[in-house]
Amino acid sequence: MTIILEIKNLSIEYKIIKDSANTVVKAVKDVSLQLNHGEIYALAGESGCGKSTLAKSIVKLVKPTSGDILFEGKSILLHDKIEKKAYPQNVQLVFQNPYSSLNPKMKIGELLLEPLDINTTLSKKEKIKVVLDVLNDVGLQESCLDLYPHQFSGGQRQRIAIARALVLNPKLLIADEPVSALDASIQAQIINLLKELRQKRNLTILFISHDMNVIRYLADRVGIMCYGNLIEENFTHTLFKYPKEDYTKKLLDAVPNLKIM
């Protein structure tokens, strides 16, 4: 398999002021992992374990303290190794909360056209075609383009957020807890949508979640994070059946009625 993303010995530290003294918090500690082209890789762990911080570093929202991130073999942290504009087009992030990730003052059409206006030289007609194709892929109608985010349900907003991430036709989609703010029935719809999009758009997906039921259904491989460390990694079926680390066993034991969706 072709490696699309490689994280090498990545560490991320935050400096905070506590009791008038500087304190260093190590959010990610010497993490290394690889994503293969076309797979869905899940990062799992409790809240605060560092998985979202790791995801934000991949899209350059957080600067690593040390280590490196390679996309298609090129470092994203060294400006001379990768084009500044090409990388954001190829790697997109879907945030956890669709209620806050969409600008409430912009119509859906404006939200979806904006990335194309900034990053491409397509004609107006070509941009509209891209938007309509993406809307169709996420299960939304053209009529939604003239509406505002508040006029949609939570599940529809997350579909819009996914559509916005897809308009630039990225190779890697990072989904950071994309269903945790949704009702259970809507969660299943969004998870199935991600599976369909993986096939339809030849996507690689980094899926971040604490929901082991969802991960078992969706992911090809799983990495378990604990206190900033990647402590275990395996194919999904193997990890669920034969967990090695005590923390992983406790994480699985804590899930009531663990089942496939």
C-alpha atoms as a PDB file:
ATOM      1  CA  MET A   1       0.000   0.000   0.000  1.00  0.00           C
ATOM      2  CA  THR A   2       1.041   3.599  -0.654  1.00  0.00           C
ATOM      3  CA  ILE A   3       1.624   5.715   2.444  1.00  0.00           C
ATOM      4  CA  ILE A   4      -0.198   9.046   2.126  1.00  0.00           C
ATOM      5  CA  LEU A   5       0.526  10.488   5.586  1.00  0.00           C
ATOM      6  CA  GLU A   6       3.371   9.714   7.954  1.00  0.00           C
ATOM      7  CA  ILE A   7       3.799  11.172  11.432  1.00  0.00           C
ATOM      8  CA  LYS A   8       7.285  10.829  12.869  1.00  0.00           C
ATOM      9  CA  ASN A   9       8.044  11.190  16.573  1.00  0.00           C
ATOM     10  CA  LEU A  10       5.608  14.077  16.926  1.00  0.00           C
ATOM     11  CA  SER A  11       5.376  15.948  20.225  1.00  0.00           C
ATOM     12  CA  ILE A  12       3.204  18.945  21.052  1.00  0.00           C
ATOM     13  CA  GLU A  13       3.546  21.000  24.211  1.00  0.00           C
ATOM     14  CA  TYR A  14       1.526  23.897  25.589  1.00  0.00           C
ATOM     15  CA  LYS A  15       2.794  26.478  28.019  1.00  0.00           C
ATOM     16  CA  ILE A  16       0.197  27.623  30.528  1.00  0.00           C
ATOM     17  CA  ILE A  17       0.374  29.989  33.483  1.00  0.00           C
ATOM     18  CA  LYS A  18      -0.660  28.419  36.754  1.00  0.00           C
ATOM     19  CA  ASP A  19      -0.188  30.055  40.162  1.00  0.00           C
ATOM     20  CA  SER A  20       2.000  32.740  38.531  1.00  0.00           C
ATOM     21  CA  ALA A  21       4.360  30.092  37.136  1.00  0.00           C
ATOM     22  CA  ASN A  22       4.809  28.701  33.628  1.00  0.00           C
ATOM     23  CA  THR A  23       3.761  25.073  33.320  1.00  0.00           C
ATOM     24  CA  VAL A  24       4.383  22.846  30.316  1.00  0.00           C
ATOM     25  CA  VAL A  25       1.571  20.471  29.321  1.00  0.00           C
ATOM     26  CA  LYS A  26       2.607  17.652  26.984  1.00  0.00           C
ATOM     27  CA  ALA A  27      -0.493  17.050  24.848  1.00  0.00           C
ATOM     28  CA  VAL A  28       1.167  14.690  22.346  1.00  0.00           C
ATOM     29  CA  LYS A  29       4.252  12.649  23.195  1.00  0.00           C
ATOM     30  CA  ASP A  30       6.549  11.202  20.533  1.00  0.00           C
ATOM     31  CA  VAL A  31       3.751   9.802  18.354  1.00  0.00           C
ATOM     32  CA  SER A  32       4.529   7.963  15.123  1.00  0.00           C
ATOM     33  CA  LEU A  33       1.946   6.492  12.738  1.00  0.00           C
ATOM     34  CA  GLN A  34       1.217   5.976   9.065  1.00  0.00           C
ATOM     35  CA  LEU A  35      -1.964   6.268   6.999  1.00  0.00           C
ATOM     36  CA  ASN A  36      -2.250   4.202   3.853  1.00  0.00           C
ATOM     37  CA  HIS A  37      -3.953   5.578   0.773  1.00  0.00           C
ATOM     38  CA  GLY A  38      -7.670   4.749   0.693  1.00  0.00           C
ATOM     39  CA  GLU A  39      -8.023   3.485   4.258  1.00  0.00           C
ATOM     40  CA  ILE A  40     -10.044   4.725   7.208  1.00  0.00           C
ATOM     41  CA  TYR A  41      -7.795   5.007  10.227  1.00  0.00           C
ATOM     42  CA  ALA A  42      -9.406   5.738  13.591  1.00  0.00           C
ATOM     43  CA  LEU A  43      -7.748   7.435  16.540  1.00  0.00           C
ATOM     44  CA  ALA A  44      -9.518   6.488  19.753  1.00  0.00           C
ATOM     45  CA  GLY A  45      -9.189   7.458  23.378  1.00  0.00           C
ATOM     46  CA  GLU A  46     -10.788   9.388  26.184  1.00  0.00           C
ATOM     47  CA  SER A  47     -11.293  13.162  26.061  1.00  0.00           C
ATOM     48  CA  GLY A  48      -8.028  14.978  26.628  1.00  0.00           C
ATOM     49  CA  CYS A  49      -5.808  12.166  25.354  1.00  0.00           C
ATOM     50  CA  GLY A  50      -4.362  14.319  22.556  1.00  0.00           C
ATOM     51  CA  LYS A  51      -6.125  12.932  19.494  1.00  0.00           C
ATOM     52  CA  SER A  52      -7.741  16.229  18.432  1.00  0.00           C
ATOM     53  CA  THR A  53      -4.505  18.124  19.057  1.00  0.00           C
ATOM     54  CA  LEU A  54      -2.734  15.663  16.783  1.00  0.00           C
ATOM     55  CA  ALA A  55      -5.388  16.203  14.091  1.00  0.00           C
ATOM     56  CA  LYS A  56      -5.045  19.982  14.309  1.00  0.00           C
ATOM     57  CA  SER A  57      -1.294  19.715  13.867  1.00  0.00           C
ATOM     58  CA  ILE A  58      -1.845  17.832  10.596  1.00  0.00           C
ATOM     59  CA  VAL A  59      -3.821  20.778   9.184  1.00  0.00           C
ATOM     60  CA  LYS A  60      -1.356  23.291  10.672  1.00  0.00           C
ATOM     61  CA  LEU A  61      -3.708  24.736  13.274  1.00  0.00           C
ATOM     62  CA  VAL A  62      -1.257  23.674  15.985  1.00  0.00           C
ATOM     63  CA  LYS A  63       2.526  23.848  15.676  1.00  0.00           C
ATOM     64  CA  PRO A  64       4.408  20.740  16.838  1.00  0.00           C
ATOM     65  CA  THR A  65       7.206  21.107  19.382  1.00  0.00           C
ATOM     66  CA  SER A  66       9.258  18.410  17.678  1.00  0.00           C
ATOM     67  CA  GLY A  67       8.980  15.658  15.089  1.00  0.00           C
ATOM     68  CA  ASP A  68       7.720  15.797  11.532  1.00  0.00           C
ATOM     69  CA  ILE A  69       4.607  15.248   9.402  1.00  0.00           C
ATOM     70  CA  LEU A  70       5.032  13.963   5.861  1.00  0.00           C
ATOM     71  CA  PHE A  71       2.305  14.091   3.231  1.00  0.00           C
ATOM     72  CA  GLU A  72       3.039  11.925   0.190  1.00  0.00           C
ATOM     73  CA  GLY A  73       6.647  11.777   1.331  1.00  0.00           C
ATOM     74  CA  LYS A  74       7.156  15.541   1.740  1.00  0.00           C
ATOM     75  CA  SER A  75       7.424  17.417   5.018  1.00  0.00           C
ATOM     76  CA  ILE A  76       4.566  19.869   5.619  1.00  0.00           C
ATOM     77  CA  LEU A  77       6.610  21.662   8.280  1.00  0.00           C
ATOM     78  CA  LEU A  78       9.374  22.740   5.895  1.00  0.00           C
ATOM     79  CA  HIS A  79       8.199  25.384   3.435  1.00  0.00           C
ATOM     80  CA  ASP A  80      10.781  24.386   0.827  1.00  0.00           C
ATOM     81  CA  LYS A  81       9.502  20.814   0.699  1.00  0.00           C
ATOM     82  CA  ILE A  82       5.825  21.331  -0.093  1.00  0.00           C
ATOM     83  CA  GLU A  83       3.729  23.994  -1.797  1.00  0.00           C
ATOM     84  CA  LYS A  84       1.896  26.206   0.676  1.00  0.00           C
ATOM     85  CA  LYS A  85      -1.330  26.256  -1.342  1.00  0.00           C
ATOM     86  CA  ALA A  86      -1.375  22.655  -2.551  1.00  0.00           C
ATOM     87  CA  TYR A  87      -1.344  21.085   0.893  1.00  0.00           C
ATOM     88  CA  PRO A  88      -4.524  22.749   2.270  1.00  0.00           C
ATOM     89  CA  GLN A  89      -6.349  21.658  -0.870  1.00  0.00           C
ATOM     90  CA  ASN A  90      -5.314  18.047  -0.371  1.00  0.00           C
ATOM     91  CA  VAL A  91      -6.000  17.815   3.374  1.00  0.00           C
ATOM     92  CA  GLN A  92      -9.281  19.039   4.849  1.00  0.00           C
ATOM     93  CA  LEU A  93     -10.768  18.941   8.348  1.00  0.00           C
ATOM     94  CA  VAL A  94     -14.387  18.395   9.411  1.00  0.00           C
ATOM     95  CA  PHE A  95     -14.925  19.802  12.877  1.00  0.00           C
ATOM     96  CA  GLN A  96     -16.933  18.232  15.680  1.00  0.00           C
ATOM     97  CA  ASN A  97     -19.746  20.726  16.040  1.00  0.00           C
ATOM     98  CA  PRO A  98     -21.709  21.690  12.910  1.00  0.00           C
ATOM     99  CA  TYR A  99     -23.520  24.362  14.933  1.00  0.00           C
ATOM    100  CA  SER A 100     -20.349  26.419  15.340  1.00  0.00           C
ATOM    101  CA  SER A 101     -18.201  25.393  12.348  1.00  0.00           C
ATOM    102  CA  LEU A 102     -20.425  27.111   9.768  1.00  0.00           C
ATOM    103  CA  ASN A 103     -20.585  30.902   9.471  1.00  0.00           C
ATOM    104  CA  PRO A 104     -24.190  31.789  10.398  1.00  0.00           C
ATOM    105  CA  LYS A 105     -24.098  34.964   8.266  1.00  0.00           C
ATOM    106  CA  MET A 106     -23.271  33.173   5.020  1.00  0.00           C
ATOM    107  CA  LYS A 107     -25.661  31.250   2.788  1.00  0.00           C
ATOM    108  CA  ILE A 108     -24.746  27.670   1.990  1.00  0.00           C
ATOM    109  CA  GLY A 109     -23.889  28.589  -1.579  1.00  0.00           C
ATOM    110  CA  GLU A 110     -21.431  31.219  -0.336  1.00  0.00           C
ATOM    111  CA  LEU A 111     -19.904  28.782   2.166  1.00  0.00           C
ATOM    112  CA  LEU A 112     -19.262  26.198  -0.533  1.00  0.00           C
ATOM    113  CA  LEU A 113     -18.022  28.624  -3.187  1.00  0.00           C
ATOM    114  CA  GLU A 114     -15.586  30.447  -0.900  1.00  0.00           C
ATOM    115  CA  PRO A 115     -12.857  27.709  -0.872  1.00  0.00           C
ATOM    116  CA  LEU A 116     -13.069  27.523  -4.666  1.00  0.00           C
ATOM    117  CA  ASP A 117     -12.822  31.318  -5.005  1.00  0.00           C
ATOM    118  CA  ILE A 118      -9.711  31.400  -2.816  1.00  0.00           C
ATOM    119  CA  ASN A 119      -7.881  28.305  -4.042  1.00  0.00           C
ATOM    120  CA  THR A 120      -8.790  27.795  -7.708  1.00  0.00           C
ATOM    121  CA  THR A 121      -8.958  29.623 -11.030  1.00  0.00           C
ATOM    122  CA  LEU A 122     -12.112  27.839 -12.162  1.00  0.00           C
ATOM    123  CA  SER A 123     -14.797  29.786 -14.013  1.00  0.00           C
ATOM    124  CA  LYS A 124     -18.062  30.615 -12.251  1.00  0.00           C
ATOM    125  CA  LYS A 125     -19.835  27.891 -14.221  1.00  0.00           C
ATOM    126  CA  GLU A 126     -17.185  25.318 -13.287  1.00  0.00           C
ATOM    127  CA  LYS A 127     -17.371  26.276  -9.603  1.00  0.00           C
ATOM    128  CA  ILE A 128     -21.144  25.880  -9.547  1.00  0.00           C
ATOM    129  CA  LYS A 129     -20.816  22.435 -11.132  1.00  0.00           C
ATOM    130  CA  VAL A 130     -18.323  21.396  -8.439  1.00  0.00           C
ATOM    131  CA  VAL A 131     -20.675  22.625  -5.710  1.00  0.00           C
ATOM    132  CA  LEU A 132     -23.678  20.820  -7.173  1.00  0.00           C
ATOM    133  CA  ASP A 133     -21.706  17.589  -7.561  1.00  0.00           C
ATOM    134  CA  VAL A 134     -20.566  17.751  -3.937  1.00  0.00           C
ATOM    135  CA  LEU A 135     -24.076  18.504  -2.710  1.00  0.00           C
ATOM    136  CA  ASN A 136     -25.328  15.460  -4.560  1.00  0.00           C
ATOM    137  CA  ASP A 137     -22.575  13.312  -3.026  1.00  0.00           C
ATOM    138  CA  VAL A 138     -23.563  14.304   0.528  1.00  0.00           C
ATOM    139  CA  GLY A 139     -27.293  13.877  -0.101  1.00  0.00           C
ATOM    140  CA  LEU A 140     -28.458  17.503  -0.235  1.00  0.00           C
ATOM    141  CA  GLN A 141     -30.611  19.360  -2.766  1.00  0.00           C
ATOM    142  CA  GLU A 142     -29.668  22.387  -4.862  1.00  0.00           C
ATOM    143  CA  SER A 143     -32.401  24.374  -3.106  1.00  0.00           C
ATOM    144  CA  CYS A 144     -30.296  24.521   0.062  1.00  0.00           C
ATOM    145  CA  LEU A 145     -27.809  26.924  -1.567  1.00  0.00           C
ATOM    146  CA  ASP A 146     -29.976  29.976  -0.809  1.00  0.00           C
ATOM    147  CA  LEU A 147     -30.537  29.052   2.833  1.00  0.00           C
ATOM    148  CA  TYR A 148     -28.565  29.810   6.007  1.00  0.00           C
ATOM    149  CA  PRO A 149     -27.066  27.221   8.408  1.00  0.00           C
ATOM    150  CA  HIS A 150     -29.704  27.858  11.106  1.00  0.00           C
ATOM    151  CA  GLN A 151     -32.394  26.630   8.711  1.00  0.00           C
ATOM    152  CA  PHE A 152     -31.020  23.078   8.798  1.00  0.00           C
ATOM    153  CA  SER A 153     -30.985  20.236  11.306  1.00  0.00           C
ATOM    154  CA  GLY A 154     -27.762  19.114  12.983  1.00  0.00           C
ATOM    155  CA  GLY A 155     -27.311  16.207  10.610  1.00  0.00           C
ATOM    156  CA  GLN A 156     -27.874  18.407   7.560  1.00  0.00           C
ATOM    157  CA  ARG A 157     -25.367  20.938   8.872  1.00  0.00           C
ATOM    158  CA  GLN A 158     -22.760  18.232   9.256  1.00  0.00           C
ATOM    159  CA  ARG A 159     -23.438  17.158   5.673  1.00  0.00           C
ATOM    160  CA  ILE A 160     -22.861  20.776   4.643  1.00  0.00           C
ATOM    161  CA  ALA A 161     -19.622  20.867   6.651  1.00  0.00           C
ATOM    162  CA  ILE A 162     -18.482  17.674   4.903  1.00  0.00           C
ATOM    163  CA  ALA A 163     -19.448  19.155   1.525  1.00  0.00           C
ATOM    164  CA  ARG A 164     -17.384  22.267   2.261  1.00  0.00           C
ATOM    165  CA  ALA A 165     -14.385  20.074   3.071  1.00  0.00           C
ATOM    166  CA  LEU A 166     -14.835  18.148  -0.188  1.00  0.00           C
ATOM    167  CA  VAL A 167     -15.222  21.002  -2.688  1.00  0.00           C
ATOM    168  CA  LEU A 168     -11.436  21.164  -3.192  1.00  0.00           C
ATOM    169  CA  ASN A 169     -11.389  17.403  -3.858  1.00  0.00           C
ATOM    170  CA  PRO A 170      -8.910  16.549  -1.077  1.00  0.00           C
ATOM    171  CA  LYS A 171      -7.000  13.286  -0.849  1.00  0.00           C
ATOM    172  CA  LEU A 172      -7.149  13.157   2.952  1.00  0.00           C
ATOM    173  CA  LEU A 173     -10.189  13.994   5.058  1.00  0.00           C
ATOM    174  CA  ILE A 174      -9.785  14.403   8.809  1.00  0.00           C
ATOM    175  CA  ALA A 175     -13.049  13.943  10.708  1.00  0.00           C
ATOM    176  CA  ASP A 176     -12.702  15.133  14.303  1.00  0.00           C
ATOM    177  CA  GLU A 177     -15.556  13.633  16.351  1.00  0.00           C
ATOM    178  CA  PRO A 178     -17.968  14.395  13.478  1.00  0.00           C
ATOM    179  CA  VAL A 179     -20.978  12.580  14.967  1.00  0.00           C
ATOM    180  CA  SER A 180     -20.639  13.130  18.716  1.00  0.00           C
ATOM    181  CA  ALA A 181     -22.974  16.160  18.670  1.00  0.00           C
ATOM    182  CA  LEU A 182     -25.701  14.306  16.733  1.00  0.00           C
ATOM    183  CA  ASP A 183     -28.579  12.027  17.677  1.00  0.00           C
ATOM    184  CA  ALA A 184     -27.931   8.286  17.384  1.00  0.00           C
ATOM    185  CA  SER A 185     -30.062   7.781  14.260  1.00  0.00           C
ATOM    186  CA  ILE A 186     -28.374  10.715  12.520  1.00  0.00           C
ATOM    187  CA  GLN A 187     -24.954   9.450  13.588  1.00  0.00           C
ATOM    188  CA  ALA A 188     -25.534   6.254  11.618  1.00  0.00           C
ATOM    189  CA  GLN A 189     -26.446   8.251   8.509  1.00  0.00           C
ATOM    190  CA  ILE A 190     -23.270  10.343   8.681  1.00  0.00           C
ATOM    191  CA  ILE A 191     -21.075   7.299   9.326  1.00  0.00           C
ATOM    192  CA  ASN A 192     -22.569   5.509   6.325  1.00  0.00           C
ATOM    193  CA  LEU A 193     -22.071   8.678   4.278  1.00  0.00           C
ATOM    194  CA  LEU A 194     -18.349   8.709   5.142  1.00  0.00           C
ATOM    195  CA  LYS A 195     -18.041   5.072   4.047  1.00  0.00           C
ATOM    196  CA  GLU A 196     -19.732   5.888   0.741  1.00  0.00           C
ATOM    197  CA  LEU A 197     -17.563   8.959   0.167  1.00  0.00           C
ATOM    198  CA  ARG A 198     -14.407   6.953   0.790  1.00  0.00           C
ATOM    199  CA  GLN A 199     -15.312   4.707  -2.138  1.00  0.00           C
ATOM    200  CA  LYS A 200     -16.836   7.334  -4.402  1.00  0.00           C
ATOM    201  CA  ARG A 201     -14.071   9.929  -4.022  1.00  0.00           C
ATOM    202  CA  ASN A 202     -11.124   7.625  -3.355  1.00  0.00           C
ATOM    203  CA  LEU A 203     -10.589   9.292   0.026  1.00  0.00           C
ATOM    204  CA  THR A 204      -8.274   8.476   2.863  1.00  0.00           C
ATOM    205  CA  ILE A 205      -9.968   9.293   6.179  1.00  0.00           C
ATOM    206  CA  LEU A 206      -8.487   9.935   9.602  1.00  0.00           C
ATOM    207  CA  PHE A 207     -11.454   9.454  11.921  1.00  0.00           C
ATOM    208  CA  ILE A 208     -11.196  10.682  15.511  1.00  0.00           C
ATOM    209  CA  SER A 209     -13.665   9.388  18.077  1.00  0.00           C
ATOM    210  CA  HIS A 210     -14.174   8.012  21.551  1.00  0.00           C
ATOM    211  CA  ASP A 211     -17.131   5.880  20.376  1.00  0.00           C
ATOM    212  CA  MET A 212     -15.813   2.350  19.979  1.00  0.00           C
ATOM    213  CA  ASN A 213     -19.047   1.094  18.402  1.00  0.00           C
ATOM    214  CA  VAL A 214     -18.677   3.612  15.585  1.00  0.00           C
ATOM    215  CA  ILE A 215     -14.980   2.829  15.168  1.00  0.00           C
ATOM    216  CA  ARG A 216     -15.627  -0.908  14.975  1.00  0.00           C
ATOM    217  CA  TYR A 217     -18.110  -0.368  12.164  1.00  0.00           C
ATOM    218  CA  LEU A 218     -16.155   2.229  10.209  1.00  0.00           C
ATOM    219  CA  ALA A 219     -12.389   1.857  10.538  1.00  0.00           C
ATOM    220  CA  ASP A 220      -9.876  -0.405   8.821  1.00  0.00           C
ATOM    221  CA  ARG A 221      -7.220   0.210  11.478  1.00  0.00           C
ATOM    222  CA  VAL A 222      -7.265   1.734  14.941  1.00  0.00           C
ATOM    223  CA  GLY A 223      -4.734   3.597  17.053  1.00  0.00           C
ATOM    224  CA  ILE A 224      -5.361   3.988  20.794  1.00  0.00           C
ATOM    225  CA  MET A 225      -4.144   7.145  22.508  1.00  0.00           C
ATOM    226  CA  CYS A 226      -3.684   7.605  26.255  1.00  0.00           C
ATOM    227  CA  TYR A 227      -2.241  10.722  27.914  1.00  0.00           C
ATOM    228  CA  GLY A 228      -0.673  11.878  24.668  1.00  0.00           C
ATOM    229  CA  ASN A 229       0.888   8.519  23.784  1.00  0.00           C
ATOM    230  CA  LEU A 230      -0.063   6.147  20.983  1.00  0.00           C
ATOM    231  CA  ILE A 231      -0.072   2.980  23.061  1.00  0.00           C
ATOM    232  CA  GLU A 232      -1.540   0.414  20.679  1.00  0.00           C
ATOM    233  CA  GLU A 233      -2.286   0.060  16.981  1.00  0.00           C
ATOM    234  CA  ASN A 234      -3.789  -2.753  14.938  1.00  0.00           C
ATOM    235  CA  PHE A 235      -6.365  -3.783  12.375  1.00  0.00           C
ATOM    236  CA  THR A 236      -9.815  -3.065  13.776  1.00  0.00           C
ATOM    237  CA  HIS A 237     -11.028  -6.664  13.997  1.00  0.00           C
ATOM    238  CA  THR A 238      -7.800  -7.808  15.639  1.00  0.00           C
ATOM    239  CA  LEU A 239      -7.670  -4.979  18.161  1.00  0.00           C
ATOM    240  CA  PHE A 240     -11.260  -5.514  19.261  1.00  0.00           C
ATOM    241  CA  LYS A 241     -10.797  -9.259  19.588  1.00  0.00           C
ATOM    242  CA  TYR A 242      -7.262  -9.330  20.999  1.00  0.00           C
ATOM    243  CA  PRO A 243      -6.445  -6.020  22.733  1.00  0.00           C
ATOM    244  CA  LYS A 244      -2.931  -6.014  24.164  1.00  0.00           C
ATOM    245  CA  GLU A 245      -2.819  -3.033  26.521  1.00  0.00           C
ATOM    246  CA  ASP A 246      -4.772  -2.880  29.785  1.00  0.00           C
ATOM    247  CA  TYR A 247      -6.017   0.592  28.884  1.00  0.00           C
ATOM    248  CA  THR A 248      -7.428  -0.695  25.595  1.00  0.00           C
ATOM    249  CA  LYS A 249      -9.162  -3.548  27.411  1.00  0.00           C
ATOM    250  CA  LYS A 250     -10.700  -1.104  29.889  1.00  0.00           C
ATOM    251  CA  LEU A 251     -11.775   1.167  27.035  1.00  0.00           C
ATOM    252  CA  LEU A 252     -13.593  -1.724  25.366  1.00  0.00           C
ATOM    253  CA  ASP A 253     -15.041  -3.039  28.629  1.00  0.00           C
ATOM    254  CA  ALA A 254     -16.499   0.390  29.348  1.00  0.00           C
ATOM    255  CA  VAL A 255     -18.700   0.271  26.241  1.00  0.00           C
ATOM    256  CA  PRO A 256     -22.138  -1.178  27.039  1.00  0.00           C
ATOM    257  CA  ASN A 257     -23.502  -3.626  24.478  1.00  0.00           C
ATOM    258  CA  LEU A 258     -20.568  -3.303  22.099  1.00  0.00           C
ATOM    259  CA  LYS A 259     -22.031  -4.121  18.709  1.00  0.00           C
ATOM    260  CA  ILE A 260     -21.717  -3.463  15.015  1.00  0.00           C
ATOM    261  CA  MET A 261     -24.069  -0.744  13.757  1.00  0.00           C
END
